Protein backbone atom coordinates (compact mmCIF):
# COMPACT_ATOMS: atom_id res chain seq x y z
CA UNK A 1 16.08 -55.53 304.21
CA UNK A 2 18.15 -52.82 302.10
CA UNK A 3 19.63 -49.66 302.53
CA UNK A 4 21.40 -47.07 300.68
CA UNK A 5 23.82 -45.07 302.52
CA UNK A 6 24.64 -41.47 301.54
CA UNK A 7 28.04 -40.29 302.90
CA UNK A 8 31.38 -41.65 304.06
CA UNK A 9 32.03 -40.20 307.18
CA UNK A 10 32.24 -41.73 310.76
CA UNK A 11 28.90 -41.76 311.03
CA UNK A 12 27.82 -43.26 307.27
CA UNK A 13 30.28 -45.93 307.97
CA UNK A 14 30.18 -47.11 311.20
CA UNK A 15 26.33 -47.70 310.71
CA UNK A 16 26.98 -48.90 307.23
CA UNK A 17 28.99 -51.67 308.56
CA UNK A 18 26.78 -52.27 311.48
CA UNK A 19 23.50 -52.95 308.99
CA UNK A 20 25.42 -55.00 306.67
CA UNK A 21 26.68 -57.13 309.33
CA UNK A 22 22.87 -57.76 310.92
CA UNK A 23 21.79 -58.48 307.24
CA UNK A 24 20.58 -55.54 305.44
CA UNK A 25 21.87 -55.42 301.78
CA UNK A 26 23.80 -52.25 301.96
CA UNK A 27 25.47 -49.74 299.33
CA UNK A 28 27.08 -47.22 300.64
CA UNK A 29 27.40 -44.03 297.86
CA UNK A 30 30.27 -41.53 298.32
CA UNK A 31 30.91 -38.57 296.67
CA UNK A 32 34.59 -37.94 297.24
CA UNK A 33 37.32 -40.21 295.83
CA UNK A 34 37.36 -42.50 298.85
CA UNK A 35 35.30 -42.76 302.34
CA UNK A 36 36.30 -41.07 305.21
CA UNK A 37 37.59 -38.20 302.72
CA UNK A 38 38.95 -35.80 305.60
CA UNK A 39 41.71 -38.14 306.18
CA UNK A 40 44.51 -40.02 304.10
CA UNK A 41 43.62 -42.46 301.17
CA UNK A 42 45.44 -44.93 302.22
CA UNK A 43 43.39 -45.02 305.65
CA UNK A 44 40.51 -45.17 303.78
CA UNK A 45 41.40 -48.35 301.34
CA UNK A 46 41.61 -51.10 303.92
CA UNK A 47 38.11 -50.21 305.10
CA UNK A 48 36.89 -50.03 301.78
CA UNK A 49 38.24 -53.52 300.60
CA UNK A 50 36.87 -54.96 304.33
CA UNK A 51 33.53 -53.54 303.39
CA UNK A 52 33.27 -55.26 299.92
CA UNK A 53 34.56 -58.53 301.39
CA UNK A 54 31.83 -58.25 303.61
CA UNK A 55 29.23 -58.18 300.74
CA UNK A 56 28.54 -54.12 300.94
CA UNK A 57 28.23 -52.35 297.55
CA UNK A 58 30.85 -49.26 298.09
CA UNK A 59 30.74 -46.44 295.21
CA UNK A 60 32.94 -43.92 295.25
CA UNK A 61 33.78 -40.43 293.45
CA UNK A 62 29.95 -40.38 292.56
CA UNK A 63 27.35 -37.54 291.79
CA UNK A 64 24.25 -37.51 292.96
CA UNK A 65 21.37 -36.21 290.29
CA UNK A 66 18.00 -37.13 291.82
CA UNK A 67 15.45 -39.24 294.23
CA UNK A 68 12.58 -40.92 293.23
CA UNK A 69 10.11 -43.40 294.28
CA UNK A 70 8.92 -46.84 292.94
CA UNK A 71 6.49 -48.31 295.25
CA UNK A 72 7.92 -49.01 298.56
CA UNK A 73 11.80 -48.57 297.07
CA UNK A 74 13.42 -45.32 297.13
CA UNK A 75 15.78 -44.92 294.39
CA UNK A 76 18.85 -42.84 293.80
CA UNK A 77 19.61 -41.39 290.42
CA UNK A 78 23.77 -40.88 290.17
CA UNK A 79 26.58 -41.07 288.28
CA UNK A 80 29.66 -43.27 288.78
CA UNK A 81 32.61 -44.02 286.38
CA UNK A 82 31.18 -42.33 283.61
CA UNK A 83 27.82 -44.00 283.57
CA UNK A 84 24.55 -42.90 284.70
CA UNK A 85 23.23 -45.42 287.35
CA UNK A 86 20.57 -45.87 290.11
CA UNK A 87 20.23 -47.76 293.04
CA UNK A 88 17.23 -48.68 295.12
CA UNK A 89 16.40 -49.47 298.67
CA UNK A 90 13.64 -49.46 301.29
CA UNK A 91 15.61 -46.73 302.91
CA UNK A 92 18.13 -43.91 302.82
CA UNK A 93 20.47 -42.91 305.29
CA UNK A 94 21.29 -39.35 304.78
CA UNK A 95 24.71 -38.84 306.49
CA UNK A 96 26.18 -36.18 303.96
CA UNK A 97 27.01 -34.26 306.90
CA UNK A 98 25.72 -31.55 309.33
CA UNK A 99 25.47 -27.84 309.84
CA UNK A 100 25.38 -25.88 313.32
CA UNK A 101 21.97 -25.55 314.80
CA UNK A 102 22.09 -21.91 315.25
CA UNK A 103 19.27 -20.19 313.35
CA UNK A 104 17.16 -19.68 316.12
CA UNK A 105 19.61 -17.96 318.12
CA UNK A 106 19.39 -14.41 316.31
CA UNK A 107 23.14 -14.06 316.81
CA UNK A 108 23.06 -11.20 313.81
CA UNK A 109 21.40 -8.87 316.71
CA UNK A 110 24.34 -9.83 318.74
CA UNK A 111 26.43 -9.03 316.19
CA UNK A 112 28.50 -12.60 316.47
CA UNK A 113 30.65 -13.27 313.56
CA UNK A 114 29.45 -16.19 311.66
CA UNK A 115 31.50 -17.90 308.63
CA UNK A 116 30.24 -20.80 306.48
CA UNK A 117 27.58 -21.37 309.01
CA UNK A 118 29.66 -21.95 311.78
CA UNK A 119 30.44 -19.34 315.06
CA UNK A 120 33.94 -17.79 315.00
CA UNK A 121 35.80 -18.49 317.92
CA UNK A 122 39.61 -17.85 319.22
CA UNK A 123 41.28 -20.55 320.77
CA UNK A 124 39.77 -19.25 324.39
CA UNK A 125 36.36 -20.27 322.90
CA UNK A 126 35.66 -16.40 322.49
CA UNK A 127 33.65 -15.12 319.70
CA UNK A 128 34.05 -11.67 318.51
CA UNK A 129 32.10 -10.58 321.45
CA UNK A 130 34.28 -10.93 324.50
CA UNK A 131 31.57 -12.27 327.07
CA UNK A 132 30.16 -14.62 324.26
CA UNK A 133 31.66 -18.21 323.97
CA UNK A 134 30.84 -20.78 321.29
CA UNK A 135 31.64 -24.52 322.28
CA UNK A 136 31.25 -27.64 320.56
CA UNK A 137 29.90 -28.55 317.02
CA UNK A 138 28.60 -24.86 316.48
CA UNK A 139 32.05 -23.51 316.00
CA UNK A 140 33.12 -26.10 313.36
CA UNK A 141 36.83 -26.86 314.89
CA UNK A 142 36.45 -30.54 315.33
CA UNK A 143 32.69 -32.45 315.28
CA UNK A 144 33.96 -35.00 318.07
CA UNK A 145 32.41 -35.41 321.63
CA UNK A 146 35.49 -35.31 323.53
CA UNK A 147 36.63 -32.10 321.96
CA UNK A 148 33.39 -30.49 322.28
CA UNK A 149 33.66 -31.35 326.26
CA UNK A 150 37.43 -29.80 326.44
CA UNK A 151 36.08 -26.67 324.38
CA UNK A 152 33.26 -26.36 327.16
CA UNK A 153 35.90 -26.83 330.12
CA UNK A 154 38.11 -23.99 328.38
CA UNK A 155 34.84 -21.63 328.16
CA UNK A 156 33.58 -22.30 331.66
CA UNK A 157 37.37 -21.67 333.09
CA UNK A 158 37.93 -18.24 330.80
CA UNK A 159 34.30 -17.05 331.37
CA UNK A 160 34.63 -17.30 335.27
CA UNK A 161 38.01 -16.43 335.84
CA UNK A 162 39.05 -12.83 334.72
CA UNK A 163 42.54 -13.00 335.10
CA UNK A 164 45.59 -13.24 332.47
CA UNK A 165 45.66 -16.80 333.01
CA UNK A 166 43.26 -17.74 330.04
CA UNK A 167 43.14 -21.73 329.14
CA UNK A 168 43.26 -22.06 325.60
CA UNK A 169 42.68 -24.93 322.86
CA UNK A 170 45.57 -26.38 321.30
CA UNK A 171 44.61 -29.16 318.49
CA UNK A 172 48.19 -30.74 318.17
CA UNK A 173 47.10 -33.73 319.97
CA UNK A 174 43.48 -33.68 318.30
CA UNK A 175 42.43 -37.52 318.28
CA UNK A 176 39.60 -39.53 316.54
CA UNK A 177 38.62 -43.12 316.13
CA UNK A 178 35.88 -44.24 313.87
CA UNK A 179 34.79 -47.97 314.90
CA UNK A 180 34.09 -49.90 311.89
CA UNK A 181 36.19 -52.92 311.59
CA UNK A 182 39.42 -52.42 311.15
CA UNK A 183 39.33 -49.41 313.24
CA UNK A 184 40.65 -46.29 312.36
CA UNK A 185 42.48 -44.18 314.93
CA UNK A 186 44.88 -40.75 314.20
CA UNK A 187 46.37 -38.58 316.61
CA UNK A 188 48.02 -34.79 314.97
CA UNK A 189 48.59 -34.30 311.85
CA UNK A 190 47.58 -36.08 308.74
CA UNK A 191 49.24 -36.00 305.03
CA UNK A 192 46.62 -33.86 303.68
CA UNK A 193 47.10 -31.39 306.72
CA UNK A 194 50.69 -31.13 306.34
CA UNK A 195 50.43 -30.34 302.33
CA UNK A 196 47.68 -27.83 303.17
CA UNK A 197 49.62 -26.21 305.93
CA UNK A 198 53.01 -26.42 304.37
CA UNK A 199 54.54 -28.56 306.93
CA UNK A 200 57.39 -30.82 306.02
CA UNK A 201 57.20 -33.97 306.91
CA UNK A 202 59.28 -37.88 306.46
CA UNK A 203 56.21 -40.71 306.63
CA UNK A 204 56.79 -44.50 306.89
CA UNK A 205 54.40 -47.06 307.59
CA UNK A 206 53.65 -50.90 308.35
CA UNK A 207 51.44 -53.39 307.33
CA UNK A 208 49.73 -55.59 309.67
CA UNK A 209 49.64 -58.39 307.04
CA UNK A 210 53.24 -59.04 307.97
CA UNK A 211 52.48 -58.85 311.80
CA UNK A 212 52.60 -61.93 313.74
CA UNK A 213 49.81 -61.32 316.41
CA UNK A 214 47.57 -59.71 313.35
CA UNK A 215 48.09 -62.91 311.07
CA UNK A 216 47.18 -64.90 313.96
CA UNK A 217 44.07 -63.37 314.62
CA UNK A 218 43.09 -63.35 310.89
CA UNK A 219 43.19 -59.34 310.79
CA UNK A 220 45.11 -58.62 307.44
CA UNK A 221 43.56 -55.24 306.74
CA UNK A 222 45.82 -52.13 307.86
CA UNK A 223 48.82 -50.48 308.73
CA UNK A 224 50.70 -48.33 311.36
CA UNK A 225 51.69 -44.89 309.81
CA UNK A 226 54.01 -42.14 311.39
CA UNK A 227 54.69 -38.71 310.22
CA UNK A 228 57.84 -37.01 311.65
CA UNK A 229 59.37 -33.86 311.37
CA UNK A 230 62.38 -34.32 308.54
CA UNK A 231 65.56 -32.66 310.77
CA UNK A 232 64.36 -33.54 314.27
CA UNK A 233 62.14 -36.88 314.11
CA UNK A 234 59.27 -35.38 316.35
CA UNK A 235 56.34 -37.13 315.53
CA UNK A 236 53.70 -34.70 314.14
CA UNK A 237 51.07 -37.28 313.80
CA UNK A 238 50.25 -41.13 313.60
CA UNK A 239 47.64 -43.27 312.17
CA UNK A 240 46.38 -46.77 312.72
CA UNK A 241 43.61 -48.68 310.76
CA UNK A 242 43.47 -52.13 311.73
CA UNK A 243 42.75 -54.32 314.64
CA UNK A 244 42.81 -52.79 318.02
CA UNK A 245 43.75 -49.24 316.44
CA UNK A 246 41.55 -47.66 318.99
CA UNK A 247 43.70 -49.01 322.01
CA UNK A 248 47.10 -49.02 320.42
CA UNK A 249 46.76 -45.26 319.31
CA UNK A 250 47.27 -44.25 323.00
CA UNK A 251 50.83 -45.13 323.26
CA UNK A 252 51.65 -42.94 320.17
CA UNK A 253 49.20 -40.14 322.21
CA UNK A 254 51.51 -40.47 325.24
CA UNK A 255 54.97 -40.41 322.92
CA UNK A 256 53.58 -37.10 321.33
CA UNK A 257 52.32 -35.52 324.53
CA UNK A 258 55.90 -35.39 325.64
CA UNK A 259 57.20 -34.18 322.28
CA UNK A 260 58.57 -37.59 321.43
CA UNK A 261 60.58 -38.51 318.51
CA UNK A 262 60.71 -41.43 316.04
CA UNK A 263 63.85 -42.54 317.93
């Protein structure tokens, strides 16, 4: 009947909306200023608006304090907007993130380098021990299944082909989709990443609430956003939040694959 979701990443938001839509009273509590805090804030706001429109309680910029029980109900104690608050539900879904499951591997004995609980690798997927590779979530590069598969293919090639033609991972075309409604799809750099890496960029966006097809579909939440090199116009990143984002992003992936420009 009721659920509290802790967190605002893909697992949290996808399952929160699913349970809300099948009739569960859902409260989502996120510690950061907005859900999907790894990405840009303007991509999160349309989803938050849709969640609230559908009846979900969404609380961001919170600080968790403790958890208690009152009979069958589990209670979260937290602060929000300068006030101490509580939320109660039958079930708490803990979606605050994961850490690599490497404790039992005794990597210290193999002298494999670990930083912040993750196995350090180069772009060939090698650790600091040249005969040991680490792929997927354990290396912390991107916790996305198709990227883990690519890591495995690169490591498999490099482990069995001792030649100069080493396969290397490049995240220029890293792609992610969050299957909420509206969907969120991204490729390449976000504005946050550009600022962190000191990459100069121009940005422009266009809203779905001014687009004919999305208006006839009644899908008015969201926009398309492009980031481009200020001098050449080469697309650095593309982001869609809105209807069919998971399909539409592929056109922009193709343009970026060929190093295309906004022109």
